[in-house]
N, C-alpha and C. Protein backbone atom coordinates (compact mmCIF):
# COMPACT_ATOMS: atom_id res chain seq x y z
N MET A 1 -113.53 -88.60 -16.38
CA MET A 1 -113.76 -87.17 -16.25
C MET A 1 -113.58 -86.74 -14.79
N THR A 2 -113.05 -85.56 -14.62
CA THR A 2 -112.78 -85.05 -13.29
C THR A 2 -113.65 -83.84 -13.02
N PRO A 3 -114.41 -83.82 -11.93
CA PRO A 3 -115.21 -82.64 -11.64
C PRO A 3 -114.34 -81.48 -11.20
N PRO A 4 -114.76 -80.25 -11.45
CA PRO A 4 -113.95 -79.12 -11.04
C PRO A 4 -114.03 -78.90 -9.54
N THR A 5 -112.98 -78.35 -9.00
CA THR A 5 -112.97 -77.88 -7.63
C THR A 5 -112.59 -76.42 -7.70
N GLU A 6 -112.48 -75.76 -6.56
CA GLU A 6 -112.13 -74.34 -6.59
C GLU A 6 -110.63 -74.13 -6.68
N GLU A 7 -109.83 -75.20 -6.65
CA GLU A 7 -108.38 -75.04 -6.71
C GLU A 7 -107.95 -74.73 -8.14
N ARG A 8 -106.81 -74.02 -8.24
CA ARG A 8 -106.24 -73.74 -9.55
C ARG A 8 -105.70 -75.03 -10.15
N ILE A 9 -105.69 -75.08 -11.46
CA ILE A 9 -105.17 -76.24 -12.18
C ILE A 9 -103.91 -75.81 -12.92
N ALA A 10 -102.86 -76.61 -12.79
CA ALA A 10 -101.62 -76.34 -13.52
C ALA A 10 -101.77 -76.86 -14.94
N LEU A 11 -101.23 -76.11 -15.88
CA LEU A 11 -101.28 -76.49 -17.29
C LEU A 11 -99.86 -76.40 -17.83
N GLU A 12 -99.25 -77.55 -18.07
CA GLU A 12 -97.85 -77.57 -18.50
C GLU A 12 -97.72 -77.03 -19.91
N SER A 13 -96.83 -76.06 -20.08
CA SER A 13 -96.68 -75.37 -21.36
C SER A 13 -96.30 -76.34 -22.47
N GLY A 14 -97.12 -76.36 -23.53
CA GLY A 14 -96.82 -77.14 -24.73
C GLY A 14 -97.01 -78.63 -24.60
N ALA A 15 -97.12 -79.15 -23.37
CA ALA A 15 -97.12 -80.59 -23.19
C ALA A 15 -98.51 -81.19 -23.06
N GLU A 16 -99.51 -80.36 -22.74
CA GLU A 16 -100.84 -80.91 -22.54
C GLU A 16 -101.92 -79.92 -22.96
N VAL A 17 -103.06 -80.48 -23.26
CA VAL A 17 -104.24 -79.68 -23.57
C VAL A 17 -105.36 -80.19 -22.68
N HIS A 18 -106.10 -79.27 -22.09
CA HIS A 18 -107.25 -79.64 -21.28
C HIS A 18 -108.52 -79.40 -22.09
N VAL A 19 -109.42 -80.36 -22.04
CA VAL A 19 -110.71 -80.26 -22.72
C VAL A 19 -111.79 -80.34 -21.66
N TRP A 20 -112.59 -79.29 -21.57
CA TRP A 20 -113.70 -79.19 -20.62
C TRP A 20 -115.00 -79.45 -21.36
N ARG A 21 -115.88 -80.21 -20.73
CA ARG A 21 -117.20 -80.49 -21.29
C ARG A 21 -118.26 -79.92 -20.36
N ALA A 22 -119.28 -79.28 -20.93
CA ALA A 22 -120.33 -78.67 -20.11
C ALA A 22 -121.69 -78.92 -20.74
N CYS A 23 -122.67 -79.27 -19.93
CA CYS A 23 -124.06 -79.38 -20.36
C CYS A 23 -124.71 -78.02 -20.23
N LEU A 24 -125.18 -77.47 -21.33
CA LEU A 24 -125.73 -76.10 -21.34
C LEU A 24 -127.19 -76.03 -20.91
N ASP A 25 -127.87 -77.15 -20.87
CA ASP A 25 -129.28 -77.14 -20.50
C ASP A 25 -129.51 -77.39 -19.01
N CYS A 26 -128.43 -77.53 -18.26
CA CYS A 26 -128.57 -77.74 -16.83
C CYS A 26 -129.04 -76.44 -16.18
N LEU A 27 -129.81 -76.54 -15.13
CA LEU A 27 -130.49 -75.38 -14.55
C LEU A 27 -129.62 -74.53 -13.65
N ASP A 28 -128.42 -74.97 -13.34
CA ASP A 28 -127.62 -74.29 -12.34
C ASP A 28 -126.69 -73.20 -12.89
N TRP A 29 -126.76 -72.90 -14.18
CA TRP A 29 -125.89 -71.86 -14.72
C TRP A 29 -126.35 -70.49 -14.23
N PRO A 30 -125.40 -69.61 -13.95
CA PRO A 30 -125.79 -68.24 -13.58
C PRO A 30 -126.52 -67.57 -14.74
N ALA A 31 -127.27 -66.54 -14.44
CA ALA A 31 -128.04 -65.82 -15.46
C ALA A 31 -127.13 -64.96 -16.33
N ALA A 32 -127.61 -64.66 -17.53
CA ALA A 32 -126.84 -63.80 -18.45
C ALA A 32 -126.59 -62.43 -17.85
N GLU A 33 -127.48 -61.98 -16.96
CA GLU A 33 -127.33 -60.64 -16.37
C GLU A 33 -126.05 -60.50 -15.56
N GLY A 34 -125.47 -61.60 -15.12
CA GLY A 34 -124.22 -61.53 -14.36
C GLY A 34 -122.98 -61.47 -15.22
N LEU A 35 -123.13 -61.63 -16.53
CA LEU A 35 -121.99 -61.56 -17.44
C LEU A 35 -121.56 -60.11 -17.64
N PRO A 36 -120.32 -59.87 -18.05
CA PRO A 36 -119.89 -58.52 -18.38
C PRO A 36 -120.74 -57.93 -19.51
N ALA A 37 -120.74 -56.61 -19.60
CA ALA A 37 -121.63 -55.89 -20.54
C ALA A 37 -121.54 -56.38 -21.98
N PRO A 38 -120.34 -56.60 -22.55
CA PRO A 38 -120.30 -57.06 -23.96
C PRO A 38 -121.03 -58.39 -24.16
N ASP A 39 -120.87 -59.31 -23.20
CA ASP A 39 -121.56 -60.60 -23.31
C ASP A 39 -123.07 -60.43 -23.12
N ARG A 40 -123.47 -59.55 -22.21
CA ARG A 40 -124.90 -59.31 -22.02
C ARG A 40 -125.53 -58.77 -23.29
N ARG A 41 -124.83 -57.86 -23.97
CA ARG A 41 -125.37 -57.29 -25.22
C ARG A 41 -125.51 -58.38 -26.29
N ARG A 42 -124.51 -59.24 -26.40
CA ARG A 42 -124.58 -60.31 -27.40
C ARG A 42 -125.71 -61.27 -27.07
N ALA A 43 -125.87 -61.60 -25.79
CA ALA A 43 -126.95 -62.50 -25.39
C ALA A 43 -128.31 -61.87 -25.70
N ALA A 44 -128.46 -60.58 -25.40
CA ALA A 44 -129.74 -59.90 -25.62
C ALA A 44 -130.13 -59.87 -27.10
N ALA A 45 -129.15 -59.92 -27.98
CA ALA A 45 -129.43 -59.88 -29.42
C ALA A 45 -129.94 -61.20 -29.97
N ILE A 46 -129.85 -62.26 -29.19
CA ILE A 46 -130.32 -63.58 -29.63
C ILE A 46 -131.81 -63.67 -29.33
N GLN A 47 -132.62 -63.79 -30.37
CA GLN A 47 -134.08 -63.69 -30.23
C GLN A 47 -134.72 -64.92 -29.61
N VAL A 48 -134.21 -66.10 -29.90
CA VAL A 48 -134.83 -67.34 -29.41
C VAL A 48 -134.33 -67.60 -27.99
N ALA A 49 -135.27 -67.71 -27.04
CA ALA A 49 -134.90 -67.81 -25.62
C ALA A 49 -133.99 -68.99 -25.33
N ALA A 50 -134.29 -70.16 -25.89
CA ALA A 50 -133.47 -71.35 -25.61
C ALA A 50 -132.05 -71.17 -26.13
N ARG A 51 -131.93 -70.58 -27.32
CA ARG A 51 -130.59 -70.33 -27.87
C ARG A 51 -129.87 -69.29 -27.04
N ARG A 52 -130.57 -68.26 -26.58
CA ARG A 52 -129.96 -67.22 -25.74
C ARG A 52 -129.45 -67.82 -24.44
N GLN A 53 -130.24 -68.69 -23.81
CA GLN A 53 -129.83 -69.31 -22.56
C GLN A 53 -128.62 -70.21 -22.76
N ARG A 54 -128.62 -70.97 -23.85
CA ARG A 54 -127.46 -71.83 -24.12
C ARG A 54 -126.22 -71.00 -24.40
N TRP A 55 -126.37 -69.90 -25.14
CA TRP A 55 -125.22 -69.06 -25.43
C TRP A 55 -124.64 -68.49 -24.13
N ALA A 56 -125.51 -67.98 -23.26
CA ALA A 56 -125.03 -67.43 -21.99
C ALA A 56 -124.37 -68.52 -21.14
N ALA A 57 -124.95 -69.71 -21.13
CA ALA A 57 -124.35 -70.82 -20.37
C ALA A 57 -122.97 -71.16 -20.92
N SER A 58 -122.82 -71.11 -22.26
CA SER A 58 -121.51 -71.42 -22.85
C SER A 58 -120.47 -70.38 -22.45
N ARG A 59 -120.89 -69.12 -22.35
CA ARG A 59 -119.94 -68.08 -21.92
C ARG A 59 -119.56 -68.25 -20.46
N TRP A 60 -120.53 -68.64 -19.61
CA TRP A 60 -120.19 -68.93 -18.22
C TRP A 60 -119.26 -70.12 -18.14
N ALA A 61 -119.53 -71.16 -18.93
CA ALA A 61 -118.66 -72.35 -18.93
C ALA A 61 -117.23 -71.95 -19.28
N LEU A 62 -117.09 -71.13 -20.33
CA LEU A 62 -115.75 -70.68 -20.73
C LEU A 62 -115.09 -69.91 -19.60
N ARG A 63 -115.79 -68.95 -19.02
CA ARG A 63 -115.20 -68.11 -17.98
C ARG A 63 -114.84 -68.92 -16.73
N ILE A 64 -115.70 -69.85 -16.37
CA ILE A 64 -115.42 -70.67 -15.19
C ILE A 64 -114.21 -71.56 -15.44
N ALA A 65 -114.14 -72.17 -16.62
CA ALA A 65 -112.97 -73.00 -16.94
C ALA A 65 -111.69 -72.17 -16.93
N LEU A 66 -111.71 -71.00 -17.56
CA LEU A 66 -110.51 -70.16 -17.61
C LEU A 66 -110.09 -69.68 -16.23
N SER A 67 -111.07 -69.45 -15.36
CA SER A 67 -110.74 -68.96 -14.02
C SER A 67 -109.97 -69.99 -13.21
N ARG A 68 -109.98 -71.24 -13.65
CA ARG A 68 -109.22 -72.28 -12.97
C ARG A 68 -107.73 -72.14 -13.21
N TYR A 69 -107.34 -71.35 -14.23
CA TYR A 69 -105.92 -71.21 -14.58
C TYR A 69 -105.34 -69.85 -14.20
N VAL A 70 -106.18 -68.84 -14.05
CA VAL A 70 -105.69 -67.48 -13.80
C VAL A 70 -106.30 -66.95 -12.50
N ALA A 71 -105.66 -65.98 -11.93
CA ALA A 71 -106.11 -65.42 -10.65
C ALA A 71 -107.15 -64.33 -10.90
N ALA A 72 -108.33 -64.73 -11.32
CA ALA A 72 -109.42 -63.77 -11.56
C ALA A 72 -110.75 -64.49 -11.41
N GLU A 73 -111.74 -63.75 -10.98
CA GLU A 73 -113.08 -64.29 -10.90
C GLU A 73 -113.64 -64.47 -12.31
N PRO A 74 -114.51 -65.46 -12.54
CA PRO A 74 -115.05 -65.68 -13.89
C PRO A 74 -115.66 -64.43 -14.52
N SER A 75 -116.45 -63.68 -13.74
CA SER A 75 -117.12 -62.50 -14.31
C SER A 75 -116.16 -61.34 -14.54
N GLU A 76 -114.96 -61.40 -13.97
CA GLU A 76 -113.99 -60.31 -14.10
C GLU A 76 -112.97 -60.53 -15.21
N LEU A 77 -112.97 -61.70 -15.81
CA LEU A 77 -112.01 -61.96 -16.88
C LEU A 77 -112.30 -61.03 -18.06
N GLU A 78 -111.25 -60.41 -18.58
CA GLU A 78 -111.41 -59.54 -19.75
C GLU A 78 -111.03 -60.33 -20.99
N LEU A 79 -112.04 -60.61 -21.81
CA LEU A 79 -111.82 -61.37 -23.03
C LEU A 79 -111.86 -60.43 -24.23
N LEU A 80 -110.87 -60.57 -25.09
CA LEU A 80 -110.79 -59.78 -26.31
C LEU A 80 -110.96 -60.71 -27.50
N VAL A 81 -111.25 -60.13 -28.66
CA VAL A 81 -111.38 -60.92 -29.88
C VAL A 81 -110.41 -60.37 -30.91
N ASP A 82 -109.53 -61.25 -31.40
CA ASP A 82 -108.57 -60.84 -32.42
C ASP A 82 -109.28 -60.56 -33.74
N ARG A 83 -108.54 -60.00 -34.68
CA ARG A 83 -109.11 -59.63 -35.98
C ARG A 83 -109.79 -60.80 -36.67
N GLY A 84 -109.24 -62.00 -36.53
CA GLY A 84 -109.83 -63.17 -37.16
C GLY A 84 -110.97 -63.79 -36.37
N GLY A 85 -111.35 -63.17 -35.24
CA GLY A 85 -112.45 -63.67 -34.44
C GLY A 85 -112.04 -64.62 -33.33
N LYS A 86 -110.74 -64.83 -33.17
CA LYS A 86 -110.28 -65.75 -32.12
C LYS A 86 -110.24 -65.03 -30.78
N PRO A 87 -110.89 -65.60 -29.76
CA PRO A 87 -110.88 -64.95 -28.44
C PRO A 87 -109.56 -65.17 -27.71
N ARG A 88 -109.22 -64.23 -26.86
CA ARG A 88 -108.02 -64.34 -26.03
C ARG A 88 -108.23 -63.53 -24.76
N LEU A 89 -107.40 -63.82 -23.78
CA LEU A 89 -107.41 -63.04 -22.55
C LEU A 89 -106.67 -61.73 -22.78
N ALA A 90 -107.14 -60.66 -22.17
CA ALA A 90 -106.42 -59.39 -22.23
C ALA A 90 -105.08 -59.55 -21.52
N GLY A 91 -104.10 -58.79 -21.95
CA GLY A 91 -102.77 -58.86 -21.33
C GLY A 91 -101.87 -59.84 -22.06
N ASP A 92 -100.84 -60.28 -21.37
CA ASP A 92 -99.82 -61.13 -22.02
C ASP A 92 -99.88 -62.57 -21.53
N SER A 93 -101.05 -63.07 -21.21
CA SER A 93 -101.19 -64.44 -20.73
C SER A 93 -100.79 -65.44 -21.82
N ALA A 94 -100.11 -66.50 -21.43
CA ALA A 94 -99.74 -67.57 -22.35
C ALA A 94 -100.89 -68.56 -22.55
N LEU A 95 -101.97 -68.39 -21.81
CA LEU A 95 -103.11 -69.30 -21.92
C LEU A 95 -103.82 -69.09 -23.25
N ARG A 96 -104.00 -70.16 -23.98
CA ARG A 96 -104.73 -70.14 -25.24
C ARG A 96 -105.95 -71.04 -25.09
N PHE A 97 -107.04 -70.68 -25.76
CA PHE A 97 -108.26 -71.45 -25.55
C PHE A 97 -109.17 -71.35 -26.76
N SER A 98 -110.17 -72.22 -26.78
CA SER A 98 -111.16 -72.25 -27.85
C SER A 98 -112.45 -72.81 -27.27
N LEU A 99 -113.57 -72.30 -27.77
CA LEU A 99 -114.90 -72.71 -27.32
C LEU A 99 -115.73 -73.13 -28.51
N SER A 100 -116.49 -74.21 -28.34
CA SER A 100 -117.46 -74.62 -29.36
C SER A 100 -118.68 -75.17 -28.64
N HIS A 101 -119.87 -74.91 -29.21
CA HIS A 101 -121.06 -75.52 -28.64
C HIS A 101 -122.04 -75.88 -29.74
N SER A 102 -122.76 -76.96 -29.50
CA SER A 102 -123.76 -77.46 -30.43
C SER A 102 -124.88 -78.06 -29.59
N GLY A 103 -126.10 -77.60 -29.81
CA GLY A 103 -127.19 -78.09 -28.97
C GLY A 103 -126.89 -77.80 -27.52
N GLU A 104 -127.03 -78.81 -26.68
CA GLU A 104 -126.84 -78.62 -25.25
C GLU A 104 -125.42 -78.87 -24.77
N LEU A 105 -124.48 -79.11 -25.68
CA LEU A 105 -123.12 -79.46 -25.30
C LEU A 105 -122.12 -78.37 -25.67
N ALA A 106 -121.23 -78.04 -24.74
CA ALA A 106 -120.13 -77.11 -25.02
C ALA A 106 -118.82 -77.81 -24.70
N LEU A 107 -117.81 -77.52 -25.53
CA LEU A 107 -116.45 -77.99 -25.28
C LEU A 107 -115.52 -76.78 -25.25
N ILE A 108 -114.57 -76.82 -24.34
CA ILE A 108 -113.57 -75.77 -24.21
C ILE A 108 -112.21 -76.44 -24.21
N ALA A 109 -111.30 -75.95 -25.05
CA ALA A 109 -109.92 -76.43 -25.05
C ALA A 109 -109.04 -75.34 -24.46
N ALA A 110 -108.08 -75.73 -23.63
CA ALA A 110 -107.14 -74.78 -23.04
C ALA A 110 -105.73 -75.35 -23.13
N ALA A 111 -104.79 -74.48 -23.47
CA ALA A 111 -103.38 -74.88 -23.56
C ALA A 111 -102.52 -73.69 -23.18
N ALA A 112 -101.29 -73.97 -22.81
CA ALA A 112 -100.34 -72.91 -22.47
C ALA A 112 -99.27 -72.84 -23.55
N GLY A 113 -99.16 -71.70 -24.21
CA GLY A 113 -98.10 -71.49 -25.18
C GLY A 113 -98.32 -72.12 -26.54
N ARG A 114 -99.46 -72.73 -26.80
CA ARG A 114 -99.77 -73.30 -28.11
C ARG A 114 -101.20 -72.93 -28.46
N GLU A 115 -101.41 -72.51 -29.70
CA GLU A 115 -102.77 -72.21 -30.14
C GLU A 115 -103.57 -73.51 -30.25
N VAL A 116 -104.84 -73.43 -29.89
CA VAL A 116 -105.73 -74.59 -29.97
C VAL A 116 -107.05 -74.18 -30.60
N GLY A 117 -107.72 -75.13 -31.18
CA GLY A 117 -109.06 -74.93 -31.71
C GLY A 117 -109.88 -76.18 -31.43
N ILE A 118 -111.14 -76.01 -31.15
CA ILE A 118 -112.00 -77.16 -30.87
C ILE A 118 -113.33 -76.95 -31.56
N ASP A 119 -113.94 -78.06 -32.00
CA ASP A 119 -115.27 -77.96 -32.59
C ASP A 119 -116.06 -79.20 -32.24
N VAL A 120 -117.36 -79.00 -32.02
CA VAL A 120 -118.28 -80.10 -31.76
C VAL A 120 -119.55 -79.86 -32.56
N GLU A 121 -120.11 -80.91 -33.10
CA GLU A 121 -121.37 -80.83 -33.84
C GLU A 121 -122.22 -82.06 -33.50
N ARG A 122 -123.51 -81.81 -33.30
CA ARG A 122 -124.41 -82.95 -33.15
C ARG A 122 -124.61 -83.56 -34.53
N ARG A 123 -124.49 -84.88 -34.62
CA ARG A 123 -124.68 -85.54 -35.91
C ARG A 123 -126.16 -85.53 -36.28
N GLY A 124 -126.40 -85.32 -37.56
CA GLY A 124 -127.76 -85.32 -38.07
C GLY A 124 -127.94 -86.38 -39.13
N ARG A 125 -128.55 -86.00 -40.24
CA ARG A 125 -128.91 -86.97 -41.27
C ARG A 125 -127.78 -87.27 -42.24
N ARG A 126 -126.78 -86.45 -42.26
CA ARG A 126 -125.69 -86.69 -43.21
C ARG A 126 -124.82 -87.86 -42.75
N ALA A 127 -123.99 -88.34 -43.67
CA ALA A 127 -123.11 -89.47 -43.36
C ALA A 127 -122.07 -89.05 -42.33
N VAL A 128 -121.61 -90.01 -41.56
CA VAL A 128 -120.63 -89.75 -40.49
C VAL A 128 -119.39 -89.03 -41.01
N PRO A 129 -118.80 -89.42 -42.17
CA PRO A 129 -117.60 -88.72 -42.62
C PRO A 129 -117.80 -87.22 -42.85
N PHE A 130 -119.02 -86.81 -43.22
CA PHE A 130 -119.28 -85.38 -43.40
C PHE A 130 -119.02 -84.64 -42.10
N TYR A 131 -119.54 -85.11 -40.99
CA TYR A 131 -119.38 -84.43 -39.70
C TYR A 131 -117.93 -84.50 -39.22
N GLU A 132 -117.28 -85.63 -39.45
CA GLU A 132 -115.88 -85.76 -39.04
C GLU A 132 -115.00 -84.75 -39.78
N ASP A 133 -115.24 -84.61 -41.09
CA ASP A 133 -114.48 -83.64 -41.88
C ASP A 133 -114.81 -82.21 -41.45
N TRP A 134 -116.09 -81.95 -41.19
CA TRP A 134 -116.53 -80.62 -40.79
C TRP A 134 -115.84 -80.16 -39.51
N VAL A 135 -115.87 -81.00 -38.47
CA VAL A 135 -115.30 -80.59 -37.19
C VAL A 135 -113.77 -80.46 -37.29
N ARG A 136 -113.14 -81.27 -38.12
CA ARG A 136 -111.68 -81.12 -38.31
C ARG A 136 -111.37 -79.75 -38.91
N ARG A 137 -112.10 -79.38 -39.97
CA ARG A 137 -111.84 -78.10 -40.63
C ARG A 137 -112.17 -76.94 -39.70
N GLU A 138 -113.28 -77.03 -38.95
CA GLU A 138 -113.64 -75.97 -38.01
C GLU A 138 -112.59 -75.84 -36.91
N ALA A 139 -112.11 -76.96 -36.37
CA ALA A 139 -111.12 -76.92 -35.30
C ALA A 139 -109.83 -76.25 -35.79
N VAL A 140 -109.39 -76.57 -37.00
CA VAL A 140 -108.19 -75.94 -37.55
C VAL A 140 -108.42 -74.45 -37.76
N GLY A 141 -109.58 -74.07 -38.30
CA GLY A 141 -109.88 -72.66 -38.49
C GLY A 141 -109.88 -71.90 -37.18
N LYS A 142 -110.46 -72.49 -36.14
CA LYS A 142 -110.49 -71.84 -34.83
C LYS A 142 -109.10 -71.77 -34.22
N CYS A 143 -108.28 -72.77 -34.49
CA CYS A 143 -106.92 -72.76 -33.96
C CYS A 143 -106.15 -71.54 -34.47
N PHE A 144 -106.34 -71.21 -35.74
CA PHE A 144 -105.59 -70.11 -36.35
C PHE A 144 -106.40 -68.83 -36.53
N GLY A 145 -107.65 -68.85 -36.09
CA GLY A 145 -108.46 -67.64 -36.17
C GLY A 145 -108.90 -67.28 -37.57
N VAL A 146 -109.24 -68.30 -38.38
CA VAL A 146 -109.75 -68.06 -39.73
C VAL A 146 -111.07 -68.79 -39.89
N GLY A 147 -111.92 -68.29 -40.76
CA GLY A 147 -113.21 -68.92 -41.00
C GLY A 147 -113.12 -70.00 -42.06
N LEU A 148 -114.24 -70.71 -42.25
CA LEU A 148 -114.26 -71.78 -43.24
C LEU A 148 -114.14 -71.26 -44.66
N ALA A 149 -114.48 -69.99 -44.87
CA ALA A 149 -114.40 -69.42 -46.21
C ALA A 149 -112.95 -69.15 -46.62
N GLU A 150 -112.05 -69.10 -45.65
CA GLU A 150 -110.64 -68.84 -45.93
C GLU A 150 -109.84 -70.13 -45.83
N PRO A 151 -108.80 -70.26 -46.66
CA PRO A 151 -107.94 -71.44 -46.50
C PRO A 151 -107.15 -71.30 -45.20
N PRO A 152 -106.93 -72.40 -44.48
CA PRO A 152 -106.15 -72.30 -43.26
C PRO A 152 -104.70 -71.93 -43.58
N PRO A 153 -104.02 -71.25 -42.68
CA PRO A 153 -102.61 -70.91 -42.92
C PRO A 153 -101.78 -72.16 -43.16
N ASP A 154 -100.73 -71.99 -43.91
CA ASP A 154 -99.83 -73.12 -44.18
C ASP A 154 -98.87 -73.25 -43.02
N ARG A 155 -99.43 -73.67 -41.90
CA ARG A 155 -98.64 -73.86 -40.69
C ARG A 155 -98.91 -75.26 -40.15
N PRO A 156 -97.93 -75.85 -39.49
CA PRO A 156 -98.16 -77.20 -38.97
C PRO A 156 -99.24 -77.21 -37.89
N VAL A 157 -100.06 -78.24 -37.94
CA VAL A 157 -101.13 -78.39 -36.95
C VAL A 157 -101.42 -79.88 -36.81
N ARG A 158 -101.71 -80.27 -35.60
CA ARG A 158 -102.08 -81.66 -35.33
C ARG A 158 -103.56 -81.67 -34.96
N VAL A 159 -104.34 -82.55 -35.61
CA VAL A 159 -105.77 -82.63 -35.36
C VAL A 159 -106.09 -83.99 -34.76
N LEU A 160 -106.77 -83.95 -33.62
CA LEU A 160 -107.11 -85.18 -32.90
C LEU A 160 -108.63 -85.31 -32.82
N PRO A 161 -109.17 -86.49 -33.17
CA PRO A 161 -110.61 -86.69 -32.99
C PRO A 161 -110.92 -86.86 -31.50
N LEU A 162 -112.09 -86.42 -31.09
CA LEU A 162 -112.54 -86.58 -29.70
C LEU A 162 -113.76 -87.48 -29.71
N ASP A 163 -113.72 -88.54 -28.95
CA ASP A 163 -114.83 -89.49 -28.90
C ASP A 163 -115.82 -89.06 -27.83
N LEU A 164 -117.01 -88.62 -28.27
CA LEU A 164 -118.08 -88.21 -27.35
C LEU A 164 -119.31 -89.10 -27.50
N GLY A 165 -119.16 -90.21 -28.19
CA GLY A 165 -120.29 -91.10 -28.43
C GLY A 165 -120.87 -90.89 -29.82
N ASP A 166 -121.82 -91.74 -30.17
CA ASP A 166 -122.37 -91.77 -31.53
C ASP A 166 -123.11 -90.51 -31.92
N GLU A 167 -123.61 -89.76 -30.95
CA GLU A 167 -124.45 -88.60 -31.25
C GLU A 167 -123.66 -87.38 -31.68
N TRP A 168 -122.34 -87.37 -31.41
CA TRP A 168 -121.54 -86.17 -31.60
C TRP A 168 -120.31 -86.44 -32.45
N ALA A 169 -119.88 -85.42 -33.16
CA ALA A 169 -118.57 -85.41 -33.82
C ALA A 169 -117.79 -84.26 -33.20
N ALA A 170 -116.52 -84.48 -32.88
CA ALA A 170 -115.71 -83.43 -32.27
C ALA A 170 -114.25 -83.63 -32.63
N ALA A 171 -113.53 -82.51 -32.71
CA ALA A 171 -112.11 -82.56 -33.03
C ALA A 171 -111.38 -81.45 -32.29
N LEU A 172 -110.12 -81.70 -32.01
CA LEU A 172 -109.23 -80.76 -31.35
C LEU A 172 -108.04 -80.51 -32.26
N ALA A 173 -107.72 -79.25 -32.53
CA ALA A 173 -106.56 -78.89 -33.34
C ALA A 173 -105.55 -78.19 -32.44
N VAL A 174 -104.28 -78.60 -32.56
CA VAL A 174 -103.20 -78.03 -31.75
C VAL A 174 -102.09 -77.60 -32.70
N ALA A 175 -101.69 -76.34 -32.62
CA ALA A 175 -100.65 -75.82 -33.50
C ALA A 175 -99.31 -76.48 -33.20
N GLY A 176 -98.54 -76.72 -34.26
CA GLY A 176 -97.18 -77.26 -34.11
C GLY A 176 -97.08 -78.71 -34.52
N THR A 177 -95.86 -79.16 -34.69
CA THR A 177 -95.62 -80.55 -35.09
C THR A 177 -94.97 -81.36 -33.98
N GLU A 178 -94.89 -80.78 -32.80
CA GLU A 178 -94.30 -81.51 -31.70
C GLU A 178 -95.09 -82.78 -31.42
N GLN A 179 -94.59 -83.58 -30.54
CA GLN A 179 -95.30 -84.79 -30.13
C GLN A 179 -96.72 -84.43 -29.72
N ALA A 180 -97.65 -85.31 -30.03
CA ALA A 180 -99.05 -85.06 -29.68
C ALA A 180 -99.15 -84.78 -28.18
N PRO A 181 -99.88 -83.74 -27.81
CA PRO A 181 -99.98 -83.40 -26.39
C PRO A 181 -100.85 -84.41 -25.63
N LEU A 182 -100.62 -84.47 -24.35
CA LEU A 182 -101.50 -85.22 -23.48
C LEU A 182 -102.81 -84.45 -23.38
N VAL A 183 -103.92 -85.13 -23.64
CA VAL A 183 -105.23 -84.48 -23.55
C VAL A 183 -105.90 -84.95 -22.26
N ARG A 184 -106.14 -84.02 -21.35
CA ARG A 184 -106.84 -84.30 -20.11
C ARG A 184 -108.26 -83.76 -20.22
N ARG A 185 -109.24 -84.54 -19.77
CA ARG A 185 -110.64 -84.14 -19.89
C ARG A 185 -111.23 -83.84 -18.52
N PHE A 186 -112.07 -82.82 -18.50
CA PHE A 186 -112.75 -82.40 -17.29
C PHE A 186 -114.22 -82.15 -17.59
N ASP A 187 -115.07 -82.32 -16.60
CA ASP A 187 -116.47 -81.94 -16.70
C ASP A 187 -116.71 -80.73 -15.81
N LEU A 188 -117.44 -79.75 -16.33
CA LEU A 188 -117.94 -78.68 -15.48
C LEU A 188 -119.23 -79.19 -14.88
N VAL A 189 -119.23 -79.41 -13.59
CA VAL A 189 -120.38 -80.00 -12.92
C VAL A 189 -121.40 -78.91 -12.65
N PRO A 190 -122.62 -79.04 -13.15
CA PRO A 190 -123.60 -77.95 -13.03
C PRO A 190 -123.82 -77.46 -11.61
N ALA A 191 -123.87 -78.36 -10.65
CA ALA A 191 -124.16 -77.95 -9.28
C ALA A 191 -123.10 -77.00 -8.74
N ALA A 192 -121.89 -77.04 -9.30
CA ALA A 192 -120.82 -76.20 -8.79
C ALA A 192 -120.68 -74.88 -9.55
N THR A 193 -121.34 -74.76 -10.69
CA THR A 193 -121.05 -73.60 -11.54
C THR A 193 -121.49 -72.28 -10.95
N ALA A 194 -122.66 -72.24 -10.34
CA ALA A 194 -123.14 -70.96 -9.79
C ALA A 194 -122.21 -70.45 -8.70
N ALA A 195 -121.77 -71.34 -7.82
CA ALA A 195 -120.85 -70.93 -6.76
C ALA A 195 -119.52 -70.48 -7.33
N LEU A 196 -119.03 -71.19 -8.35
CA LEU A 196 -117.75 -70.80 -8.96
C LEU A 196 -117.87 -69.43 -9.62
N ALA A 197 -118.99 -69.18 -10.27
CA ALA A 197 -119.18 -67.90 -10.96
C ALA A 197 -119.24 -66.74 -10.00
N ARG A 198 -119.70 -66.98 -8.77
CA ARG A 198 -119.84 -65.90 -7.79
C ARG A 198 -118.60 -65.71 -6.93
N ARG A 199 -117.58 -66.55 -7.09
CA ARG A 199 -116.41 -66.46 -6.21
C ARG A 199 -115.85 -65.06 -6.18
């Protein structure tokens, strides 16, 4: 894993996918009050404090990771949501991304010119194959912006399992049938997040 720095990261179009991992329970995340108004409203609607804090931390993690690819401060990024619920950057950016969080862990996938979807779940009492199947289906749904209640589009997609240890199940879906992309992993280091968010 590579810790983030303030330098921009190059993302080769179609050839690689970056996966960012963030601990949401770390104390160094900026407060929800620093998020743009739509995110603040969504955070305020979450009644349970711990869940609200994790949700806000996941939004900061997403914004900080995305700011590594585009010339904008994390709090200034304009995020839109497509009809199917898939988030995207405003404008004509080729950057595609997906966010998933479960418990204290968040994963963010980023790619240039290819749709991506990512999902992570903490394993519980069910059998391991249940969680593996669940995250695969969720990752594909997020890749194409459809929910689990809808069948995924009949489009080519490559699904890769992500090994996060015995406690977690995770999968990455990448649109297309091209050769499997190079997956590079990064950690968002908590001590650096507040400074990055204020840049």
